[in-house]
Amino acid sequence: MAPQNEQRVKIPATVYPGVFDREYQVAIDLEGKEVYLLVSEDFVTFDETPTEAGVPGFLKVDVVELSADKAVIALPGEVQGGTSRATADRTLLQVA
């Protein structure tokens, strides 16, 4: 099923431990730029327990707007040095 506007989707991420319980640091690659966020456990999925080296996982985001090949997404949590909305390649989106 293809993502739709105003839908929750997930994108690939590297997940690290956070400072507090139930918090994680997440790194995502958006158009060649690595973006870091601090998010609650409600917004990440992973199979291995996150370590300081990071583990593969997914970040749950909301689709704001879709075009043929791009998507504007709303990022959860606290974005480090950036904005709460970003543009991502549409091929990264997976229905959550």
PDB file of N, CA and C in Angstrom:
ATOM      1  N   MET A   1       0.842  -1.174   0.000  1.00  0.00           N
ATOM      2  CA  MET A   1       0.000   0.000   0.000  1.00  0.00           C
ATOM      3  C   MET A   1       0.891   1.243   0.000  1.00  0.00           C
ATOM      4  N   ALA A   2       0.592   2.213  -0.834  1.00  0.00           N
ATOM      5  CA  ALA A   2       1.369   3.449  -0.949  1.00  0.00           C
ATOM      6  C   ALA A   2       0.993   4.421   0.162  1.00  0.00           C
ATOM      7  N   PRO A   3       1.970   5.189   0.649  1.00  0.00           N
ATOM      8  CA  PRO A   3       1.674   6.204   1.676  1.00  0.00           C
ATOM      9  C   PRO A   3       0.706   7.258   1.155  1.00  0.00           C
ATOM     10  N   GLN A   4      -0.061   7.829   2.053  1.00  0.00           N
ATOM     11  CA  GLN A   4      -1.033   8.873   1.735  1.00  0.00           C
ATOM     12  C   GLN A   4      -0.730  10.103   2.578  1.00  0.00           C
ATOM     13  N   ASN A   5      -1.275  11.258   2.170  1.00  0.00           N
ATOM     14  CA  ASN A   5      -1.157  12.464   2.994  1.00  0.00           C
ATOM     15  C   ASN A   5      -1.743  12.205   4.369  1.00  0.00           C
ATOM     16  N   GLU A   6      -1.154  12.837   5.375  1.00  0.00           N
ATOM     17  CA  GLU A   6      -1.612  12.755   6.768  1.00  0.00           C
ATOM     18  C   GLU A   6      -1.619  11.324   7.312  1.00  0.00           C
ATOM     19  N   GLN A   7      -0.694  10.524   6.854  1.00  0.00           N
ATOM     20  CA  GLN A   7      -0.586   9.141   7.319  1.00  0.00           C
ATOM     21  C   GLN A   7       0.724   8.968   8.086  1.00  0.00           C
ATOM     22  N   ARG A   8       0.700   8.105   9.084  1.00  0.00           N
ATOM     23  CA  ARG A   8       1.924   7.761   9.814  1.00  0.00           C
ATOM     24  C   ARG A   8       2.666   6.699   9.016  1.00  0.00           C
ATOM     25  N   VAL A   9       3.945   6.954   8.764  1.00  0.00           N
ATOM     26  CA  VAL A   9       4.799   6.024   8.041  1.00  0.00           C
ATOM     27  C   VAL A   9       6.088   5.859   8.835  1.00  0.00           C
ATOM     28  N   LYS A  10       6.954   4.987   8.369  1.00  0.00           N
ATOM     29  CA  LYS A  10       8.249   4.839   9.018  1.00  0.00           C
ATOM     30  C   LYS A  10       9.339   4.961   7.957  1.00  0.00           C
ATOM     31  N   ILE A  11      10.497   5.485   8.392  1.00  0.00           N
ATOM     32  CA  ILE A  11      11.642   5.628   7.510  1.00  0.00           C
ATOM     33  C   ILE A  11      12.857   5.000   8.197  1.00  0.00           C
ATOM     34  N   PRO A  12      13.814   4.496   7.408  1.00  0.00           N
ATOM     35  CA  PRO A  12      15.006   3.874   7.998  1.00  0.00           C
ATOM     36  C   PRO A  12      15.778   4.862   8.869  1.00  0.00           C
ATOM     37  N   ALA A  13      16.330   4.352   9.948  1.00  0.00           N
ATOM     38  CA  ALA A  13      17.067   5.185  10.891  1.00  0.00           C
ATOM     39  C   ALA A  13      18.133   4.358  11.606  1.00  0.00           C
ATOM     40  N   THR A  14      19.076   5.048  12.191  1.00  0.00           N
ATOM     41  CA  THR A  14      20.019   4.422  13.118  1.00  0.00           C
ATOM     42  C   THR A  14      19.605   4.883  14.505  1.00  0.00           C
ATOM     43  N   VAL A  15      19.440   3.916  15.417  1.00  0.00           N
ATOM     44  CA  VAL A  15      18.911   4.217  16.755  1.00  0.00           C
ATOM     45  C   VAL A  15      20.010   4.045  17.797  1.00  0.00           C
ATOM     46  N   TYR A  16      20.131   5.052  18.666  1.00  0.00           N
ATOM     47  CA  TYR A  16      21.113   5.080  19.756  1.00  0.00           C
ATOM     48  C   TYR A  16      20.373   5.229  21.081  1.00  0.00           C
ATOM     49  N   PRO A  17      21.012   4.854  22.190  1.00  0.00           N
ATOM     50  CA  PRO A  17      20.370   5.098  23.489  1.00  0.00           C
ATOM     51  C   PRO A  17      20.188   6.596  23.714  1.00  0.00           C
ATOM     52  N   GLY A  18      19.157   6.958  24.467  1.00  0.00           N
ATOM     53  CA  GLY A  18      18.936   8.345  24.854  1.00  0.00           C
ATOM     54  C   GLY A  18      19.506   8.592  26.235  1.00  0.00           C
ATOM     55  N   VAL A  19      19.342   9.787  26.725  1.00  0.00           N
ATOM     56  CA  VAL A  19      19.821  10.149  28.052  1.00  0.00           C
ATOM     57  C   VAL A  19      18.889   9.592  29.124  1.00  0.00           C
ATOM     58  N   PHE A  20      17.591   9.612  28.858  1.00  0.00           N
ATOM     59  CA  PHE A  20      16.599   9.189  29.837  1.00  0.00           C
ATOM     60  C   PHE A  20      15.936   7.874  29.428  1.00  0.00           C
ATOM     61  N   ASP A  21      15.292   7.221  30.385  1.00  0.00           N
ATOM     62  CA  ASP A  21      14.515   6.021  30.083  1.00  0.00           C
ATOM     63  C   ASP A  21      13.448   6.385  29.070  1.00  0.00           C
ATOM     64  N   ARG A  22      13.165   5.480  28.186  1.00  0.00           N
ATOM     65  CA  ARG A  22      12.115   5.629  27.176  1.00  0.00           C
ATOM     66  C   ARG A  22      12.414   6.721  26.150  1.00  0.00           C
ATOM     67  N   GLU A  23      13.697   7.113  26.034  1.00  0.00           N
ATOM     68  CA  GLU A  23      14.112   8.115  25.065  1.00  0.00           C
ATOM     69  C   GLU A  23      15.240   7.534  24.219  1.00  0.00           C
ATOM     70  N   TYR A  24      15.255   7.887  22.935  1.00  0.00           N
ATOM     71  CA  TYR A  24      16.304   7.422  22.036  1.00  0.00           C
ATOM     72  C   TYR A  24      16.783   8.565  21.168  1.00  0.00           C
ATOM     73  N   GLN A  25      18.056   8.489  20.795  1.00  0.00           N
ATOM     74  CA  GLN A  25      18.581   9.402  19.789  1.00  0.00           C
ATOM     75  C   GLN A  25      18.506   8.650  18.470  1.00  0.00           C
ATOM     76  N   VAL A  26      18.054   9.333  17.421  1.00  0.00           N
ATOM     77  CA  VAL A  26      17.851   8.710  16.124  1.00  0.00           C
ATOM     78  C   VAL A  26      18.553   9.545  15.066  1.00  0.00           C
ATOM     79  N   ALA A  27      19.237   8.873  14.149  1.00  0.00           N
ATOM     80  CA  ALA A  27      19.856   9.539  13.002  1.00  0.00           C
ATOM     81  C   ALA A  27      19.152   9.066  11.740  1.00  0.00           C
ATOM     82  N   ILE A  28      18.734  10.023  10.898  1.00  0.00           N
ATOM     83  CA  ILE A  28      18.116   9.688   9.618  1.00  0.00           C
ATOM     84  C   ILE A  28      18.841  10.440   8.514  1.00  0.00           C
ATOM     85  N   ASP A  29      18.879   9.859   7.336  1.00  0.00           N
ATOM     86  CA  ASP A  29      19.513  10.493   6.182  1.00  0.00           C
ATOM     87  C   ASP A  29      18.419  11.080   5.306  1.00  0.00           C
ATOM     88  N   LEU A  30      18.407  12.395   5.204  1.00  0.00           N
ATOM     89  CA  LEU A  30      17.419  13.088   4.382  1.00  0.00           C
ATOM     90  C   LEU A  30      18.139  13.859   3.290  1.00  0.00           C
ATOM     91  N   GLU A  31      18.043  13.350   2.081  1.00  0.00           N
ATOM     92  CA  GLU A  31      18.655  13.979   0.911  1.00  0.00           C
ATOM     93  C   GLU A  31      20.144  14.256   1.126  1.00  0.00           C
ATOM     94  N   GLY A  32      20.853  13.268   1.658  1.00  0.00           N
ATOM     95  CA  GLY A  32      22.291  13.370   1.853  1.00  0.00           C
ATOM     96  C   GLY A  32      22.729  14.091   3.109  1.00  0.00           C
ATOM     97  N   LYS A  33      21.788  14.561   3.910  1.00  0.00           N
ATOM     98  CA  LYS A  33      22.114  15.255   5.160  1.00  0.00           C
ATOM     99  C   LYS A  33      21.659  14.393   6.340  1.00  0.00           C
ATOM    100  N   GLU A  34      22.575  14.138   7.267  1.00  0.00           N
ATOM    101  CA  GLU A  34      22.218  13.351   8.443  1.00  0.00           C
ATOM    102  C   GLU A  34      21.564  14.266   9.475  1.00  0.00           C
ATOM    103  N   VAL A  35      20.370  13.863   9.918  1.00  0.00           N
ATOM    104  CA  VAL A  35      19.594  14.642  10.874  1.00  0.00           C
ATOM    105  C   VAL A  35      19.462  13.817  12.150  1.00  0.00           C
ATOM    106  N   TYR A  36      19.693  14.449  13.308  1.00  0.00           N
ATOM    107  CA  TYR A  36      19.590  13.771  14.599  1.00  0.00           C
ATOM    108  C   TYR A  36      18.386  14.299  15.369  1.00  0.00           C
ATOM    109  N   LEU A  37      17.683  13.373  16.023  1.00  0.00           N
ATOM    110  CA  LEU A  37      16.516  13.733  16.827  1.00  0.00           C
ATOM    111  C   LEU A  37      16.565  12.981  18.151  1.00  0.00           C
ATOM    112  N   LEU A  38      15.945  13.566  19.168  1.00  0.00           N
ATOM    113  CA  LEU A  38      15.670  12.869  20.419  1.00  0.00           C
ATOM    114  C   LEU A  38      14.177  12.598  20.436  1.00  0.00           C
ATOM    115  N   VAL A  39      13.806  11.315  20.571  1.00  0.00           N
ATOM    116  CA  VAL A  39      12.393  10.941  20.490  1.00  0.00           C
ATOM    117  C   VAL A  39      12.044   9.947  21.592  1.00  0.00           C
ATOM    118  N   SER A  40      10.767   9.880  21.917  1.00  0.00           N
ATOM    119  CA  SER A  40      10.305   8.879  22.880  1.00  0.00           C
ATOM    120  C   SER A  40      10.260   7.520  22.189  1.00  0.00           C
ATOM    121  N   GLU A  41      10.202   6.495  22.979  1.00  0.00           N
ATOM    122  CA  GLU A  41      10.182   5.135  22.436  1.00  0.00           C
ATOM    123  C   GLU A  41       8.957   4.879  21.557  1.00  0.00           C
ATOM    124  N   ASP A  42       7.928   5.692  21.662  1.00  0.00           N
ATOM    125  CA  ASP A  42       6.730   5.531  20.847  1.00  0.00           C
ATOM    126  C   ASP A  42       6.996   5.764  19.365  1.00  0.00           C
ATOM    127  N   PHE A  43       8.093   6.431  19.026  1.00  0.00           N
ATOM    128  CA  PHE A  43       8.364   6.800  17.638  1.00  0.00           C
ATOM    129  C   PHE A  43       9.474   5.993  16.978  1.00  0.00           C
ATOM    130  N   VAL A  44       9.981   4.951  17.645  1.00  0.00           N
ATOM    131  CA  VAL A  44      11.042   4.133  17.052  1.00  0.00           C
ATOM    132  C   VAL A  44      10.701   2.653  17.135  1.00  0.00           C
ATOM    133  N   THR A  45      11.219   1.917  16.164  1.00  0.00           N
ATOM    134  CA  THR A  45      11.157   0.454  16.206  1.00  0.00           C
ATOM    135  C   THR A  45      12.544  -0.067  15.869  1.00  0.00           C
ATOM    136  N   PHE A  46      12.908  -1.175  16.477  1.00  0.00           N
ATOM    137  CA  PHE A  46      14.211  -1.799  16.240  1.00  0.00           C
ATOM    138  C   PHE A  46      14.139  -3.236  16.725  1.00  0.00           C
ATOM    139  N   ASP A  47      15.041  -4.074  16.196  1.00  0.00           N
ATOM    140  CA  ASP A  47      15.084  -5.486  16.589  1.00  0.00           C
ATOM    141  C   ASP A  47      16.141  -5.761  17.653  1.00  0.00           C
ATOM    142  N   GLU A  48      17.225  -4.981  17.638  1.00  0.00           N
ATOM    143  CA  GLU A  48      18.308  -5.138  18.612  1.00  0.00           C
ATOM    144  C   GLU A  48      18.282  -3.977  19.597  1.00  0.00           C
ATOM    145  N   THR A  49      18.733  -4.215  20.808  1.00  0.00           N
ATOM    146  CA  THR A  49      18.810  -3.142  21.801  1.00  0.00           C
ATOM    147  C   THR A  49      19.832  -2.101  21.338  1.00  0.00           C
ATOM    148  N   PRO A  50      19.449  -0.833  21.291  1.00  0.00           N
ATOM    149  CA  PRO A  50      20.374   0.206  20.840  1.00  0.00           C
ATOM    150  C   PRO A  50      21.640   0.284  21.698  1.00  0.00           C
ATOM    151  N   THR A  51      22.761   0.508  21.016  1.00  0.00           N
ATOM    152  CA  THR A  51      24.066   0.647  21.663  1.00  0.00           C
ATOM    153  C   THR A  51      24.671   1.982  21.255  1.00  0.00           C
ATOM    154  N   GLU A  52      25.797   2.335  21.845  1.00  0.00           N
ATOM    155  CA  GLU A  52      26.494   3.574  21.497  1.00  0.00           C
ATOM    156  C   GLU A  52      26.912   3.588  20.027  1.00  0.00           C
ATOM    157  N   ALA A  53      27.097   2.421  19.426  1.00  0.00           N
ATOM    158  CA  ALA A  53      27.465   2.331  18.006  1.00  0.00           C
ATOM    159  C   ALA A  53      26.254   2.496  17.097  1.00  0.00           C
ATOM    160  N   GLY A  54      25.044   2.380  17.665  1.00  0.00           N
ATOM    161  CA  GLY A  54      23.813   2.497  16.887  1.00  0.00           C
ATOM    162  C   GLY A  54      23.388   1.161  16.291  1.00  0.00           C
ATOM    163  N   VAL A  55      22.083   0.993  16.127  1.00  0.00           N
ATOM    164  CA  VAL A  55      21.520  -0.204  15.522  1.00  0.00           C
ATOM    165  C   VAL A  55      20.502   0.219  14.462  1.00  0.00           C
ATOM    166  N   PRO A  56      20.299  -0.625  13.442  1.00  0.00           N
ATOM    167  CA  PRO A  56      19.294  -0.291  12.432  1.00  0.00           C
ATOM    168  C   PRO A  56      17.893  -0.310  13.023  1.00  0.00           C
ATOM    169  N   GLY A  57      17.076   0.604  12.581  1.00  0.00           N
ATOM    170  CA  GLY A  57      15.696   0.655  13.041  1.00  0.00           C
ATOM    171  C   GLY A  57      14.883   1.567  12.146  1.00  0.00           C
ATOM    172  N   PHE A  58      13.751   2.004  12.653  1.00  0.00           N
ATOM    173  CA  PHE A  58      12.864   2.891  11.902  1.00  0.00           C
ATOM    174  C   PHE A  58      12.353   3.998  12.807  1.00  0.00           C
ATOM    175  N   LEU A  59      12.141   5.167  12.210  1.00  0.00           N
ATOM    176  CA  LEU A  59      11.542   6.306  12.877  1.00  0.00           C
ATOM    177  C   LEU A  59      10.144   6.496  12.302  1.00  0.00           C
ATOM    178  N   LYS A  60       9.150   6.640  13.165  1.00  0.00           N
ATOM    179  CA  LYS A  60       7.778   6.886  12.723  1.00  0.00           C
ATOM    180  C   LYS A  60       7.587   8.389  12.533  1.00  0.00           C
ATOM    181  N   VAL A  61       7.115   8.768  11.344  1.00  0.00           N
ATOM    182  CA  VAL A  61       6.892  10.172  10.995  1.00  0.00           C
ATOM    183  C   VAL A  61       5.513  10.312  10.368  1.00  0.00           C
ATOM    184  N   ASP A  62       5.035  11.533  10.275  1.00  0.00           N
ATOM    185  CA  ASP A  62       3.744  11.798   9.639  1.00  0.00           C
ATOM    186  C   ASP A  62       3.962  12.470   8.293  1.00  0.00           C
ATOM    187  N   VAL A  63       3.247  11.977   7.284  1.00  0.00           N
ATOM    188  CA  VAL A  63       3.312  12.581   5.955  1.00  0.00           C
ATOM    189  C   VAL A  63       2.469  13.855   5.964  1.00  0.00           C
ATOM    190  N   VAL A  64       3.060  14.956   5.523  1.00  0.00           N
ATOM    191  CA  VAL A  64       2.361  16.237   5.429  1.00  0.00           C
ATOM    192  C   VAL A  64       1.879  16.449   3.995  1.00  0.00           C
ATOM    193  N   GLU A  65       2.770  16.156   3.049  1.00  0.00           N
ATOM    194  CA  GLU A  65       2.446  16.384   1.639  1.00  0.00           C
ATOM    195  C   GLU A  65       3.258  15.431   0.773  1.00  0.00           C
ATOM    196  N   LEU A  66       2.643  14.897  -0.263  1.00  0.00           N
ATOM    197  CA  LEU A  66       3.316  13.984  -1.188  1.00  0.00           C
ATOM    198  C   LEU A  66       3.377  14.586  -2.585  1.00  0.00           C
ATOM    199  N   SER A  67       4.506  14.333  -3.270  1.00  0.00           N
ATOM    200  CA  SER A  67       4.602  14.636  -4.692  1.00  0.00           C
ATOM    201  C   SER A  67       5.006  13.328  -5.375  1.00  0.00           C
ATOM    202  N   ALA A  68       5.300  13.373  -6.647  1.00  0.00           N
ATOM    203  CA  ALA A  68       5.621  12.151  -7.381  1.00  0.00           C
ATOM    204  C   ALA A  68       6.819  11.406  -6.793  1.00  0.00           C
ATOM    205  N   ASP A  69       7.850  12.148  -6.358  1.00  0.00           N
ATOM    206  CA  ASP A  69       9.053  11.471  -5.868  1.00  0.00           C
ATOM    207  C   ASP A  69       9.532  11.935  -4.485  1.00  0.00           C
ATOM    208  N   LYS A  70       8.878  12.913  -3.907  1.00  0.00           N
ATOM    209  CA  LYS A  70       9.281  13.451  -2.595  1.00  0.00           C
ATOM    210  C   LYS A  70       8.105  13.480  -1.635  1.00  0.00           C
ATOM    211  N   ALA A  71       8.429  13.603  -0.357  1.00  0.00           N
ATOM    212  CA  ALA A  71       7.400  13.741   0.669  1.00  0.00           C
ATOM    213  C   ALA A  71       7.874  14.755   1.698  1.00  0.00           C
ATOM    214  N   VAL A  72       6.987  15.627   2.107  1.00  0.00           N
ATOM    215  CA  VAL A  72       7.257  16.503   3.248  1.00  0.00           C
ATOM    216  C   VAL A  72       6.757  15.742   4.464  1.00  0.00           C
ATOM    217  N   ILE A  73       7.636  15.572   5.448  1.00  0.00           N
ATOM    218  CA  ILE A  73       7.292  14.800   6.640  1.00  0.00           C
ATOM    219  C   ILE A  73       7.425  15.657   7.885  1.00  0.00           C
ATOM    220  N   ALA A  74       6.598  15.362   8.881  1.00  0.00           N
ATOM    221  CA  ALA A  74       6.687  16.004  10.195  1.00  0.00           C
ATOM    222  C   ALA A  74       7.507  15.081  11.089  1.00  0.00           C
ATOM    223  N   LEU A  75       8.583  15.609  11.624  1.00  0.00           N
ATOM    224  CA  LEU A  75       9.468  14.819  12.473  1.00  0.00           C
ATOM    225  C   LEU A  75       9.015  14.915  13.932  1.00  0.00           C
ATOM    226  N   PRO A  76       9.021  13.783  14.630  1.00  0.00           N
ATOM    227  CA  PRO A  76       8.632  13.815  16.040  1.00  0.00           C
ATOM    228  C   PRO A  76       9.810  14.250  16.918  1.00  0.00           C
ATOM    229  N   GLY A  77       9.532  14.558  18.132  1.00  0.00           N
ATOM    230  CA  GLY A  77      10.586  14.816  19.106  1.00  0.00           C
ATOM    231  C   GLY A  77      11.326  16.108  18.869  1.00  0.00           C
ATOM    232  N   GLU A  78      12.541  16.155  19.380  1.00  0.00           N
ATOM    233  CA  GLU A  78      13.379  17.352  19.336  1.00  0.00           C
ATOM    234  C   GLU A  78      14.449  17.185  18.270  1.00  0.00           C
ATOM    235  N   VAL A  79      14.368  17.996  17.226  1.00  0.00           N
ATOM    236  CA  VAL A  79      15.347  17.958  16.147  1.00  0.00           C
ATOM    237  C   VAL A  79      16.548  18.782  16.574  1.00  0.00           C
ATOM    238  N   GLN A  80      17.737  18.196  16.472  1.00  0.00           N
ATOM    239  CA  GLN A  80      18.944  18.898  16.893  1.00  0.00           C
ATOM    240  C   GLN A  80      19.462  19.768  15.756  1.00  0.00           C
ATOM    241  N   GLY A  81      19.326  21.081  15.916  1.00  0.00           N
ATOM    242  CA  GLY A  81      19.831  22.027  14.946  1.00  0.00           C
ATOM    243  C   GLY A  81      19.028  22.095  13.657  1.00  0.00           C
ATOM    244  N   GLY A  82      17.734  21.839  13.726  1.00  0.00           N
ATOM    245  CA  GLY A  82      16.937  21.867  12.503  1.00  0.00           C
ATOM    246  C   GLY A  82      15.480  22.184  12.776  1.00  0.00           C
ATOM    247  N   THR A  83      14.660  21.897  11.793  1.00  0.00           N
ATOM    248  CA  THR A  83      13.235  22.180  11.861  1.00  0.00           C
ATOM    249  C   THR A  83      12.445  20.888  12.042  1.00  0.00           C
ATOM    250  N   SER A  84      11.184  21.008  12.408  1.00  0.00           N
ATOM    251  CA  SER A  84      10.373  19.820  12.661  1.00  0.00           C
ATOM    252  C   SER A  84       9.757  19.233  11.388  1.00  0.00           C
ATOM    253  N   ARG A  85       9.976  19.889  10.242  1.00  0.00           N
ATOM    254  CA  ARG A  85       9.520  19.357   8.953  1.00  0.00           C
ATOM    255  C   ARG A  85      10.717  19.207   8.035  1.00  0.00           C
ATOM    256  N   ALA A  86      10.659  18.163   7.199  1.00  0.00           N
ATOM    257  CA  ALA A  86      11.766  17.899   6.287  1.00  0.00           C
ATOM    258  C   ALA A  86      11.232  17.254   5.020  1.00  0.00           C
ATOM    259  N   THR A  87      12.060  17.270   3.985  1.00  0.00           N
ATOM    260  CA  THR A  87      11.721  16.608   2.735  1.00  0.00           C
ATOM    261  C   THR A  87      12.507  15.310   2.651  1.00  0.00           C
ATOM    262  N   ALA A  88      11.817  14.238   2.271  1.00  0.00           N
ATOM    263  CA  ALA A  88      12.444  12.926   2.152  1.00  0.00           C
ATOM    264  C   ALA A  88      12.106  12.324   0.796  1.00  0.00           C
ATOM    265  N   ASP A  89      12.994  11.490   0.305  1.00  0.00           N
ATOM    266  CA  ASP A  89      12.717  10.741  -0.910  1.00  0.00           C
ATOM    267  C   ASP A  89      11.543   9.806  -0.631  1.00  0.00           C
ATOM    268  N   ARG A  90      10.567   9.804  -1.497  1.00  0.00           N
ATOM    269  CA  ARG A  90       9.350   9.019  -1.269  1.00  0.00           C
ATOM    270  C   ARG A  90       9.635   7.518  -1.160  1.00  0.00           C
ATOM    271  N   THR A  91      10.716   7.052  -1.785  1.00  0.00           N
ATOM    272  CA  THR A  91      11.042   5.629  -1.742  1.00  0.00           C
ATOM    273  C   THR A  91      11.446   5.162  -0.347  1.00  0.00           C
ATOM    274  N   LEU A  92      11.789   6.099   0.543  1.00  0.00           N
ATOM    275  CA  LEU A  92      12.160   5.726   1.929  1.00  0.00           C
ATOM    276  C   LEU A  92      10.941   5.382   2.784  1.00  0.00           C
ATOM    277  N   LEU A  93       9.775   5.877   2.391  1.00  0.00           N
ATOM    278  CA  LEU A  93       8.570   5.727   3.220  1.00  0.00           C
ATOM    279  C   LEU A  93       8.010   4.323   3.175  1.00  0.00           C
ATOM    280  N   GLN A  94       7.738   3.799   4.364  1.00  0.00           N
ATOM    281  CA  GLN A  94       7.073   2.500   4.484  1.00  0.00           C
ATOM    282  C   GLN A  94       5.856   2.698   5.391  1.00  0.00           C
ATOM    283  N   VAL A  95       4.744   2.083   5.012  1.00  0.00           N
ATOM    284  CA  VAL A  95       3.532   2.207   5.833  1.00  0.00           C
ATOM    285  C   VAL A  95       3.821   1.571   7.188  1.00  0.00           C
ATOM    286  N   ALA A  96       3.533   2.319   8.239  1.00  0.00           N
ATOM    287  CA  ALA A  96       3.832   1.859   9.619  1.00  0.00           C
ATOM    288  C   ALA A  96       2.836   0.816  10.096  1.00  0.00           C
TER     289      ALA A  96
END
